[in-house]
mmCIF file of all heavy atoms, coordinates in Angstrom:
data_MODEL
# 
_entry.id   MODEL 
# 
loop_
_atom_site.group_PDB 
_atom_site.id 
_atom_site.type_symbol 
_atom_site.label_atom_id 
_atom_site.label_alt_id 
_atom_site.label_comp_id 
_atom_site.label_asym_id 
_atom_site.label_entity_id 
_atom_site.label_seq_id 
_atom_site.pdbx_PDB_ins_code 
_atom_site.Cartn_x 
_atom_site.Cartn_y 
_atom_site.Cartn_z 
_atom_site.occupancy 
_atom_site.B_iso_or_equiv 
_atom_site.pdbx_formal_charge 
_atom_site.auth_seq_id 
_atom_site.auth_comp_id 
_atom_site.auth_asym_id 
_atom_site.auth_atom_id 
_atom_site.pdbx_PDB_model_num 
ATOM 1   N N   . ASP A 1 1  ? 99.408  95.796  107.944 1.00 0.00 ? 1  ASP A N   1 
ATOM 2   C CA  . ASP A 1 1  ? 100.822 96.134  108.094 1.00 0.00 ? 1  ASP A CA  1 
ATOM 3   C C   . ASP A 1 1  ? 101.133 96.765  109.446 1.00 0.00 ? 1  ASP A C   1 
ATOM 4   O O   . ASP A 1 1  ? 100.289 97.422  110.059 1.00 0.00 ? 1  ASP A O   1 
ATOM 5   C CB  . ASP A 1 1  ? 101.250 97.102  106.985 1.00 0.00 ? 1  ASP A CB  1 
ATOM 6   C CG  . ASP A 1 1  ? 101.154 96.474  105.610 1.00 0.00 ? 1  ASP A CG  1 
ATOM 7   O OD1 . ASP A 1 1  ? 101.308 95.244  105.514 1.00 0.00 ? 1  ASP A OD1 1 
ATOM 8   O OD2 . ASP A 1 1  ? 100.921 97.219  104.634 1.00 0.00 ? 1  ASP A OD2 1 
ATOM 9   N N   . ARG A 1 2  ? 102.375 96.561  109.880 1.00 0.00 ? 2  ARG A N   1 
ATOM 10  C CA  . ARG A 1 2  ? 102.857 97.191  111.110 1.00 0.00 ? 2  ARG A CA  1 
ATOM 11  C C   . ARG A 1 2  ? 103.222 98.646  110.841 1.00 0.00 ? 2  ARG A C   1 
ATOM 12  O O   . ARG A 1 2  ? 103.313 99.077  109.694 1.00 0.00 ? 2  ARG A O   1 
ATOM 13  C CB  . ARG A 1 2  ? 104.079 96.433  111.646 1.00 0.00 ? 2  ARG A CB  1 
ATOM 14  C CG  . ARG A 1 2  ? 103.772 94.993  112.034 1.00 0.00 ? 2  ARG A CG  1 
ATOM 15  C CD  . ARG A 1 2  ? 105.048 94.283  112.483 1.00 0.00 ? 2  ARG A CD  1 
ATOM 16  N NE  . ARG A 1 2  ? 104.792 92.895  112.823 1.00 0.00 ? 2  ARG A NE  1 
ATOM 17  C CZ  . ARG A 1 2  ? 104.407 92.484  114.016 1.00 0.00 ? 2  ARG A CZ  1 
ATOM 18  N NH1 . ARG A 1 2  ? 104.258 93.364  114.996 1.00 0.00 ? 2  ARG A NH1 1 
ATOM 19  N NH2 . ARG A 1 2  ? 104.190 91.201  114.251 1.00 0.00 ? 2  ARG A NH2 1 
ATOM 20  N N   . ARG A 1 3  ? 103.465 99.386  111.922 1.00 0.00 ? 3  ARG A N   1 
ATOM 21  C CA  . ARG A 1 3  ? 103.767 100.815 111.803 1.00 0.00 ? 3  ARG A CA  1 
ATOM 22  C C   . ARG A 1 3  ? 104.983 101.051 110.910 1.00 0.00 ? 3  ARG A C   1 
ATOM 23  O O   . ARG A 1 3  ? 104.986 101.968 110.075 1.00 0.00 ? 3  ARG A O   1 
ATOM 24  C CB  . ARG A 1 3  ? 104.005 101.417 113.195 1.00 0.00 ? 3  ARG A CB  1 
ATOM 25  C CG  . ARG A 1 3  ? 102.784 101.405 114.091 1.00 0.00 ? 3  ARG A CG  1 
ATOM 26  C CD  . ARG A 1 3  ? 103.136 101.837 115.512 1.00 0.00 ? 3  ARG A CD  1 
ATOM 27  N NE  . ARG A 1 3  ? 103.500 103.241 115.565 1.00 0.00 ? 3  ARG A NE  1 
ATOM 28  C CZ  . ARG A 1 3  ? 102.650 104.232 115.798 1.00 0.00 ? 3  ARG A CZ  1 
ATOM 29  N NH1 . ARG A 1 3  ? 101.355 103.964 115.975 1.00 0.00 ? 3  ARG A NH1 1 
ATOM 30  N NH2 . ARG A 1 3  ? 103.058 105.481 115.848 1.00 0.00 ? 3  ARG A NH2 1 
ATOM 31  N N   . ALA A 1 4  ? 106.022 100.230 111.078 1.00 0.00 ? 4  ALA A N   1 
ATOM 32  C CA  . ALA A 1 4  ? 107.231 100.405 110.273 1.00 0.00 ? 4  ALA A CA  1 
ATOM 33  C C   . ALA A 1 4  ? 106.944 100.192 108.796 1.00 0.00 ? 4  ALA A C   1 
ATOM 34  O O   . ALA A 1 4  ? 107.470 100.911 107.937 1.00 0.00 ? 4  ALA A O   1 
ATOM 35  C CB  . ALA A 1 4  ? 108.317 99.443  110.740 1.00 0.00 ? 4  ALA A CB  1 
ATOM 36  N N   . GLN A 1 5  ? 106.102 99.225  108.475 1.00 0.00 ? 5  GLN A N   1 
ATOM 37  C CA  . GLN A 1 5  ? 105.752 98.962  107.078 1.00 0.00 ? 5  GLN A CA  1 
ATOM 38  C C   . GLN A 1 5  ? 104.942 100.106 106.490 1.00 0.00 ? 5  GLN A C   1 
ATOM 39  O O   . GLN A 1 5  ? 105.140 100.488 105.330 1.00 0.00 ? 5  GLN A O   1 
ATOM 40  C CB  . GLN A 1 5  ? 104.967 97.650  106.981 1.00 0.00 ? 5  GLN A CB  1 
ATOM 41  C CG  . GLN A 1 5  ? 105.765 96.408  107.330 1.00 0.00 ? 5  GLN A CG  1 
ATOM 42  C CD  . GLN A 1 5  ? 104.895 95.164  107.404 1.00 0.00 ? 5  GLN A CD  1 
ATOM 43  O OE1 . GLN A 1 5  ? 103.936 95.108  108.188 1.00 0.00 ? 5  GLN A OE1 1 
ATOM 44  N NE2 . GLN A 1 5  ? 105.207 94.171  106.594 1.00 0.00 ? 5  GLN A NE2 1 
ATOM 45  N N   . LEU A 1 6  ? 104.037 100.651 107.288 1.00 0.00 ? 6  LEU A N   1 
ATOM 46  C CA  . LEU A 1 6  ? 103.235 101.767 106.818 1.00 0.00 ? 6  LEU A CA  1 
ATOM 47  C C   . LEU A 1 6  ? 104.106 102.982 106.530 1.00 0.00 ? 6  LEU A C   1 
ATOM 48  O O   . LEU A 1 6  ? 103.950 103.653 105.501 1.00 0.00 ? 6  LEU A O   1 
ATOM 49  C CB  . LEU A 1 6  ? 102.178 102.140 107.865 1.00 0.00 ? 6  LEU A CB  1 
ATOM 50  C CG  . LEU A 1 6  ? 101.132 101.074 108.201 1.00 0.00 ? 6  LEU A CG  1 
ATOM 51  C CD1 . LEU A 1 6  ? 100.242 101.558 109.344 1.00 0.00 ? 6  LEU A CD1 1 
ATOM 52  C CD2 . LEU A 1 6  ? 100.297 100.731 106.974 1.00 0.00 ? 6  LEU A CD2 1 
ATOM 53  N N   . ALA A 1 7  ? 105.031 103.266 107.446 1.00 0.00 ? 7  ALA A N   1 
ATOM 54  C CA  . ALA A 1 7  ? 105.909 104.425 107.273 1.00 0.00 ? 7  ALA A CA  1 
ATOM 55  C C   . ALA A 1 7  ? 106.802 104.252 106.046 1.00 0.00 ? 7  ALA A C   1 
ATOM 56  O O   . ALA A 1 7  ? 106.984 105.184 105.256 1.00 0.00 ? 7  ALA A O   1 
ATOM 57  C CB  . ALA A 1 7  ? 106.755 104.631 108.522 1.00 0.00 ? 7  ALA A CB  1 
ATOM 58  N N   . LYS A 1 8  ? 107.358 103.067 105.872 1.00 0.00 ? 8  LYS A N   1 
ATOM 59  C CA  . LYS A 1 8  ? 108.237 102.831 104.728 1.00 0.00 ? 8  LYS A CA  1 
ATOM 60  C C   . LYS A 1 8  ? 107.471 102.952 103.416 1.00 0.00 ? 8  LYS A C   1 
ATOM 61  O O   . LYS A 1 8  ? 107.954 103.547 102.447 1.00 0.00 ? 8  LYS A O   1 
ATOM 62  C CB  . LYS A 1 8  ? 108.895 101.464 104.808 1.00 0.00 ? 8  LYS A CB  1 
ATOM 63  C CG  . LYS A 1 8  ? 109.900 101.203 103.679 1.00 0.00 ? 8  LYS A CG  1 
ATOM 64  C CD  . LYS A 1 8  ? 110.550 99.856  103.810 1.00 0.00 ? 8  LYS A CD  1 
ATOM 65  C CE  . LYS A 1 8  ? 111.664 99.687  102.759 1.00 0.00 ? 8  LYS A CE  1 
ATOM 66  N NZ  . LYS A 1 8  ? 111.153 99.878  101.375 1.00 0.00 ? 8  LYS A NZ  1 
ATOM 67  N N   . ALA A 1 9  ? 106.270 102.392 103.362 1.00 0.00 ? 9  ALA A N   1 
ATOM 68  C CA  . ALA A 1 9  ? 105.469 102.455 102.137 1.00 0.00 ? 9  ALA A CA  1 
ATOM 69  C C   . ALA A 1 9  ? 105.129 103.897 101.779 1.00 0.00 ? 9  ALA A C   1 
ATOM 70  O O   . ALA A 1 9  ? 105.229 104.304 100.613 1.00 0.00 ? 9  ALA A O   1 
ATOM 71  C CB  . ALA A 1 9  ? 104.199 101.637 102.298 1.00 0.00 ? 9  ALA A CB  1 
ATOM 72  N N   . ALA A 1 10 ? 104.720 104.682 102.779 1.00 0.00 ? 10 ALA A N   1 
ATOM 73  C CA  . ALA A 1 10 ? 104.368 106.079 102.525 1.00 0.00 ? 10 ALA A CA  1 
ATOM 74  C C   . ALA A 1 10 ? 105.591 106.881 102.099 1.00 0.00 ? 10 ALA A C   1 
ATOM 75  O O   . ALA A 1 10 ? 105.516 107.724 101.196 1.00 0.00 ? 10 ALA A O   1 
ATOM 76  C CB  . ALA A 1 10 ? 103.742 106.697 103.771 1.00 0.00 ? 10 ALA A CB  1 
ATOM 77  N N   . LEU A 1 11 ? 106.738 106.627 102.743 1.00 0.00 ? 11 LEU A N   1 
ATOM 78  C CA  . LEU A 1 11 ? 107.958 107.351 102.379 1.00 0.00 ? 11 LEU A CA  1 
ATOM 79  C C   . LEU A 1 11 ? 108.420 106.991 100.975 1.00 0.00 ? 11 LEU A C   1 
ATOM 80  O O   . LEU A 1 11 ? 108.802 107.860 100.190 1.00 0.00 ? 11 LEU A O   1 
ATOM 81  C CB  . LEU A 1 11 ? 109.065 107.048 103.389 1.00 0.00 ? 11 LEU A CB  1 
ATOM 82  C CG  . LEU A 1 11 ? 110.414 107.732 103.125 1.00 0.00 ? 11 LEU A CG  1 
ATOM 83  C CD1 . LEU A 1 11 ? 110.252 109.251 103.139 1.00 0.00 ? 11 LEU A CD1 1 
ATOM 84  C CD2 . LEU A 1 11 ? 111.446 107.306 104.156 1.00 0.00 ? 11 LEU A CD2 1 
ATOM 85  N N   . ASP A 1 12 ? 108.382 105.697 100.635 1.00 0.00 ? 12 ASP A N   1 
ATOM 86  C CA  . ASP A 1 12 ? 108.773 105.279 99.290  1.00 0.00 ? 12 ASP A CA  1 
ATOM 87  C C   . ASP A 1 12 ? 107.866 105.921 98.238  1.00 0.00 ? 12 ASP A C   1 
ATOM 88  O O   . ASP A 1 12 ? 108.331 106.354 97.181  1.00 0.00 ? 12 ASP A O   1 
ATOM 89  C CB  . ASP A 1 12 ? 108.707 103.758 99.172  1.00 0.00 ? 12 ASP A CB  1 
ATOM 90  C CG  . ASP A 1 12 ? 109.820 103.057 99.937  1.00 0.00 ? 12 ASP A CG  1 
ATOM 91  O OD1 . ASP A 1 12 ? 110.793 103.736 100.309 1.00 0.00 ? 12 ASP A OD1 1 
ATOM 92  O OD2 . ASP A 1 12 ? 109.711 101.833 100.156 1.00 0.00 ? 12 ASP A OD2 1 
ATOM 93  N N   . ALA A 1 13 ? 106.577 105.989 98.533  1.00 0.00 ? 13 ALA A N   1 
ATOM 94  C CA  . ALA A 1 13 ? 105.640 106.627 97.605  1.00 0.00 ? 13 ALA A CA  1 
ATOM 95  C C   . ALA A 1 13 ? 105.957 108.111 97.465  1.00 0.00 ? 13 ALA A C   1 
ATOM 96  O O   . ALA A 1 13 ? 105.946 108.655 96.353  1.00 0.00 ? 13 ALA A O   1 
ATOM 97  C CB  . ALA A 1 13 ? 104.205 106.436 98.086  1.00 0.00 ? 13 ALA A CB  1 
ATOM 98  N N   . ALA A 1 14 ? 106.258 108.770 98.584  1.00 0.00 ? 14 ALA A N   1 
ATOM 99  C CA  . ALA A 1 14 ? 106.569 110.199 98.548  1.00 0.00 ? 14 ALA A CA  1 
ATOM 100 C C   . ALA A 1 14 ? 107.798 110.477 97.696  1.00 0.00 ? 14 ALA A C   1 
ATOM 101 O O   . ALA A 1 14 ? 107.825 111.432 96.906  1.00 0.00 ? 14 ALA A O   1 
ATOM 102 C CB  . ALA A 1 14 ? 106.776 110.725 99.970  1.00 0.00 ? 14 ALA A CB  1 
ATOM 103 N N   . LEU A 1 15 ? 108.836 109.661 97.854  1.00 0.00 ? 15 LEU A N   1 
ATOM 104 C CA  . LEU A 1 15 ? 110.052 109.863 97.079  1.00 0.00 ? 15 LEU A CA  1 
ATOM 105 C C   . LEU A 1 15 ? 109.789 109.685 95.584  1.00 0.00 ? 15 LEU A C   1 
ATOM 106 O O   . LEU A 1 15 ? 110.289 110.456 94.758  1.00 0.00 ? 15 LEU A O   1 
ATOM 107 C CB  . LEU A 1 15 ? 111.134 108.881 97.545  1.00 0.00 ? 15 LEU A CB  1 
ATOM 108 C CG  . LEU A 1 15 ? 111.641 109.082 98.974  1.00 0.00 ? 15 LEU A CG  1 
ATOM 109 C CD1 . LEU A 1 15 ? 112.601 107.959 99.365  1.00 0.00 ? 15 LEU A CD1 1 
ATOM 110 C CD2 . LEU A 1 15 ? 112.333 110.437 99.114  1.00 0.00 ? 15 LEU A CD2 1 
ATOM 111 N N   . GLU A 1 16 ? 108.989 108.688 95.242  1.00 0.00 ? 16 GLU A N   1 
ATOM 112 C CA  . GLU A 1 16 ? 108.683 108.459 93.825  1.00 0.00 ? 16 GLU A CA  1 
ATOM 113 C C   . GLU A 1 16 ? 107.799 109.576 93.268  1.00 0.00 ? 16 GLU A C   1 
ATOM 114 O O   . GLU A 1 16 ? 107.966 109.994 92.120  1.00 0.00 ? 16 GLU A O   1 
ATOM 115 C CB  . GLU A 1 16 ? 108.008 107.107 93.639  1.00 0.00 ? 16 GLU A CB  1 
ATOM 116 C CG  . GLU A 1 16 ? 107.868 106.714 92.175  1.00 0.00 ? 16 GLU A CG  1 
ATOM 117 C CD  . GLU A 1 16 ? 107.430 105.283 91.953  1.00 0.00 ? 16 GLU A CD  1 
ATOM 118 O OE1 . GLU A 1 16 ? 107.477 104.482 92.919  1.00 0.00 ? 16 GLU A OE1 1 
ATOM 119 O OE2 . GLU A 1 16 ? 107.039 104.969 90.803  1.00 0.00 ? 16 GLU A OE2 1 
ATOM 120 N N   . ILE A 1 17 ? 106.861 110.071 94.064  1.00 0.00 ? 17 ILE A N   1 
ATOM 121 C CA  . ILE A 1 17 ? 106.020 111.186 93.632  1.00 0.00 ? 17 ILE A CA  1 
ATOM 122 C C   . ILE A 1 17 ? 106.878 112.422 93.370  1.00 0.00 ? 17 ILE A C   1 
ATOM 123 O O   . ILE A 1 17 ? 106.671 113.142 92.379  1.00 0.00 ? 17 ILE A O   1 
ATOM 124 C CB  . ILE A 1 17 ? 104.936 111.485 94.682  1.00 0.00 ? 17 ILE A CB  1 
ATOM 125 C CG1 . ILE A 1 17 ? 103.897 110.360 94.701  1.00 0.00 ? 17 ILE A CG1 1 
ATOM 126 C CG2 . ILE A 1 17 ? 104.261 112.823 94.417  1.00 0.00 ? 17 ILE A CG2 1 
ATOM 127 C CD1 . ILE A 1 17 ? 102.946 110.424 95.881  1.00 0.00 ? 17 ILE A CD1 1 
ATOM 128 N N   . SER A 1 18 ? 107.831 112.680 94.243  1.00 0.00 ? 18 SER A N   1 
ATOM 129 C CA  . SER A 1 18 ? 108.711 113.834 94.070  1.00 0.00 ? 18 SER A CA  1 
ATOM 130 C C   . SER A 1 18 ? 109.536 113.702 92.790  1.00 0.00 ? 18 SER A C   1 
ATOM 131 O O   . SER A 1 18 ? 109.675 114.667 92.016  1.00 0.00 ? 18 SER A O   1 
ATOM 132 C CB  . SER A 1 18 ? 109.626 113.972 95.287  1.00 0.00 ? 18 SER A CB  1 
ATOM 133 O OG  . SER A 1 18 ? 110.428 115.132 95.189  1.00 0.00 ? 18 SER A OG  1 
ATOM 134 N N   . GLU A 1 19 ? 110.079 112.513 92.550  1.00 0.00 ? 19 GLU A N   1 
ATOM 135 C CA  . GLU A 1 19 ? 110.877 112.288 91.351  1.00 0.00 ? 19 GLU A CA  1 
ATOM 136 C C   . GLU A 1 19 ? 110.027 112.433 90.087  1.00 0.00 ? 19 GLU A C   1 
ATOM 137 O O   . GLU A 1 19 ? 110.456 113.032 89.100  1.00 0.00 ? 19 GLU A O   1 
ATOM 138 C CB  . GLU A 1 19 ? 111.515 110.894 91.398  1.00 0.00 ? 19 GLU A CB  1 
ATOM 139 C CG  . GLU A 1 19 ? 112.585 110.759 92.472  1.00 0.00 ? 19 GLU A CG  1 
ATOM 140 C CD  . GLU A 1 19 ? 113.045 109.316 92.661  1.00 0.00 ? 19 GLU A CD  1 
ATOM 141 O OE1 . GLU A 1 19 ? 112.478 108.431 91.975  1.00 0.00 ? 19 GLU A OE1 1 
ATOM 142 O OE2 . GLU A 1 19 ? 113.941 109.088 93.485  1.00 0.00 ? 19 GLU A OE2 1 
ATOM 143 N N   . PHE A 1 20 ? 108.826 111.875 90.123  1.00 0.00 ? 20 PHE A N   1 
ATOM 144 C CA  . PHE A 1 20 ? 107.939 111.974 88.968  1.00 0.00 ? 20 PHE A CA  1 
ATOM 145 C C   . PHE A 1 20 ? 107.584 113.423 88.673  1.00 0.00 ? 20 PHE A C   1 
ATOM 146 O O   . PHE A 1 20 ? 107.591 113.863 87.510  1.00 0.00 ? 20 PHE A O   1 
ATOM 147 C CB  . PHE A 1 20 ? 106.663 111.171 89.193  1.00 0.00 ? 20 PHE A CB  1 
ATOM 148 C CG  . PHE A 1 20 ? 105.538 111.593 88.294  1.00 0.00 ? 20 PHE A CG  1 
ATOM 149 C CD1 . PHE A 1 20 ? 105.593 111.351 86.928  1.00 0.00 ? 20 PHE A CD1 1 
ATOM 150 C CD2 . PHE A 1 20 ? 104.434 112.272 88.809  1.00 0.00 ? 20 PHE A CD2 1 
ATOM 151 C CE1 . PHE A 1 20 ? 104.562 111.766 86.087  1.00 0.00 ? 20 PHE A CE1 1 
ATOM 152 C CE2 . PHE A 1 20 ? 103.414 112.694 87.977  1.00 0.00 ? 20 PHE A CE2 1 
ATOM 153 C CZ  . PHE A 1 20 ? 103.478 112.442 86.611  1.00 0.00 ? 20 PHE A CZ  1 
ATOM 154 N N   . THR A 1 21 ? 107.250 114.188 89.724  1.00 0.00 ? 21 THR A N   1 
ATOM 155 C CA  . THR A 1 21 ? 106.851 115.576 89.529  1.00 0.00 ? 21 THR A CA  1 
ATOM 156 C C   . THR A 1 21 ? 107.969 116.382 88.888  1.00 0.00 ? 21 THR A C   1 
ATOM 157 O O   . THR A 1 21 ? 107.739 117.164 87.953  1.00 0.00 ? 21 THR A O   1 
ATOM 158 C CB  . THR A 1 21 ? 106.449 116.212 90.870  1.00 0.00 ? 21 THR A CB  1 
ATOM 159 O OG1 . THR A 1 21 ? 105.426 115.418 91.488  1.00 0.00 ? 21 THR A OG1 1 
ATOM 160 C CG2 . THR A 1 21 ? 105.934 117.626 90.668  1.00 0.00 ? 21 THR A CG2 1 
ATOM 161 N N   . GLU A 1 22 ? 109.188 116.185 89.373  1.00 0.00 ? 22 GLU A N   1 
ATOM 162 C CA  . GLU A 1 22 ? 110.335 116.892 88.797  1.00 0.00 ? 22 GLU A CA  1 
ATOM 163 C C   . GLU A 1 22 ? 110.540 116.505 87.333  1.00 0.00 ? 22 GLU A C   1 
ATOM 164 O O   . GLU A 1 22 ? 110.784 117.362 86.475  1.00 0.00 ? 22 GLU A O   1 
ATOM 165 C CB  . GLU A 1 22 ? 111.595 116.586 89.609  1.00 0.00 ? 22 GLU A CB  1 
ATOM 166 C CG  . GLU A 1 22 ? 112.812 117.357 89.163  1.00 0.00 ? 22 GLU A CG  1 
ATOM 167 C CD  . GLU A 1 22 ? 114.023 117.131 90.050  1.00 0.00 ? 22 GLU A CD  1 
ATOM 168 O OE1 . GLU A 1 22 ? 113.859 116.507 91.120  1.00 0.00 ? 22 GLU A OE1 1 
ATOM 169 O OE2 . GLU A 1 22 ? 115.129 117.566 89.675  1.00 0.00 ? 22 GLU A OE2 1 
ATOM 170 N N   . SER A 1 23 ? 110.418 115.220 87.037  1.00 0.00 ? 23 SER A N   1 
ATOM 171 C CA  . SER A 1 23 ? 110.623 114.761 85.660  1.00 0.00 ? 23 SER A CA  1 
ATOM 172 C C   . SER A 1 23 ? 109.506 115.257 84.736  1.00 0.00 ? 23 SER A C   1 
ATOM 173 O O   . SER A 1 23 ? 109.745 115.550 83.557  1.00 0.00 ? 23 SER A O   1 
ATOM 174 C CB  . SER A 1 23 ? 110.697 113.228 85.614  1.00 0.00 ? 23 SER A CB  1 
ATOM 175 O OG  . SER A 1 23 ? 109.449 112.637 85.946  1.00 0.00 ? 23 SER A OG  1 
ATOM 176 N N   . LEU A 1 24 ? 108.283 115.369 85.253  1.00 0.00 ? 24 LEU A N   1 
ATOM 177 C CA  . LEU A 1 24 ? 107.178 115.882 84.457  1.00 0.00 ? 24 LEU A CA  1 
ATOM 178 C C   . LEU A 1 24 ? 107.463 117.310 84.006  1.00 0.00 ? 24 LEU A C   1 
ATOM 179 O O   . LEU A 1 24 ? 107.186 117.681 82.857  1.00 0.00 ? 24 LEU A O   1 
ATOM 180 C CB  . LEU A 1 24 ? 105.879 115.828 85.260  1.00 0.00 ? 24 LEU A CB  1 
ATOM 181 C CG  . LEU A 1 24 ? 104.621 116.381 84.579  1.00 0.00 ? 24 LEU A CG  1 
ATOM 182 C CD1 . LEU A 1 24 ? 104.297 115.589 83.315  1.00 0.00 ? 24 LEU A CD1 1 
ATOM 183 C CD2 . LEU A 1 24 ? 103.433 116.350 85.545  1.00 0.00 ? 24 LEU A CD2 1 
ATOM 184 N N   . GLY A 1 25 ? 108.020 118.101 84.898  1.00 0.00 ? 25 GLY A N   1 
ATOM 185 C CA  . GLY A 1 25 ? 108.339 119.486 84.561  1.00 0.00 ? 25 GLY A CA  1 
ATOM 186 C C   . GLY A 1 25 ? 109.430 119.615 83.521  1.00 0.00 ? 25 GLY A C   1 
ATOM 187 O O   . GLY A 1 25 ? 109.574 120.676 82.894  1.00 0.00 ? 25 GLY A O   1 
# 
C-alpha cells in the first residue's frame, strides 16, 4: 500500500477501536 492507504487504514481502525471501547464500557 501507498502512504495514503496506510494512513487511512490506521485511522479507520483507530476510530473503530475508540467506538468499540466506549460501547464496551
